[in-house]
């Protein structure tokens, strides 16, 4: 649940960029932004987990 809230906050930050995308490409842009945001959060969690495994 917290992860979804963080993703939602990040998606809001992309709204300004999304305004620049032509209307006929907004659906694709929204989908890409959602995937990028999810992958970024997931990668951050994996890096944190990896550091924890190495140190402990």
Protein backbone atom coordinates (compact mmCIF):
# COMPACT_ATOMS: atom_id res chain seq x y z
CA UNK A 1 0.00 0.00 0.00
CA UNK A 2 2.78 2.46 0.91
CA UNK A 3 4.59 1.54 -2.30
CA UNK A 4 1.48 2.42 -4.33
CA UNK A 5 1.21 5.79 -2.58
CA UNK A 6 4.85 6.55 -3.39
CA UNK A 7 4.29 5.61 -7.00
CA UNK A 8 1.23 7.86 -7.13
CA UNK A 9 3.27 10.78 -5.82
CA UNK A 10 5.94 10.18 -8.46
CA UNK A 11 3.31 9.97 -11.18
CA UNK A 12 2.00 13.39 -10.16
CA UNK A 13 5.47 14.80 -10.75
CA UNK A 14 5.29 13.65 -14.36
CA UNK A 15 2.05 15.52 -15.02
CA UNK A 16 3.91 18.60 -16.23
CA UNK A 17 5.84 16.52 -18.74
CA UNK A 18 2.68 14.73 -19.80
CA UNK A 19 1.10 18.08 -20.71
CA UNK A 20 3.76 18.44 -23.41
CA UNK A 21 2.90 15.10 -25.05
CA UNK A 22 0.52 15.25 -28.05
CA UNK A 23 -2.99 13.98 -27.27
CA UNK A 24 -2.70 11.05 -29.67
CA UNK A 25 0.32 9.76 -27.71
CA UNK A 26 -0.80 10.44 -24.12
CA UNK A 27 -2.00 6.88 -23.47
CA UNK A 28 1.40 5.46 -24.42
CA UNK A 29 3.21 8.15 -22.44
CA UNK A 30 1.10 7.46 -19.32
CA UNK A 31 1.81 3.75 -19.62
CA UNK A 32 5.55 4.34 -19.98
CA UNK A 33 5.61 6.75 -17.04
CA UNK A 34 3.79 4.21 -14.87
CA UNK A 35 6.28 1.49 -15.79
CA UNK A 36 9.30 3.76 -15.29
CA UNK A 37 8.06 4.83 -11.88
CA UNK A 38 7.39 1.25 -10.80
CA UNK A 39 10.78 0.03 -12.03
CA UNK A 40 12.56 2.89 -10.31
CA UNK A 41 10.93 2.11 -6.95
CA UNK A 42 11.54 -1.62 -7.34
CA UNK A 43 15.19 -1.10 -8.26
CA UNK A 44 15.65 1.15 -5.23
CA UNK A 45 14.24 -1.56 -2.98
CA UNK A 46 16.46 -4.22 -4.54
CA UNK A 47 19.57 -2.07 -4.08
CA UNK A 48 18.66 -1.48 -0.45
CA UNK A 49 18.08 -5.20 0.08
CA UNK A 50 21.38 -6.05 -1.62
CA UNK A 51 23.30 -3.63 0.62
CA UNK A 52 21.64 -5.11 3.68
CA UNK A 53 22.56 -8.66 2.58
CA UNK A 54 26.18 -7.69 2.00
CA UNK A 55 26.59 -5.95 5.33
CA UNK A 56 24.86 -8.57 7.42
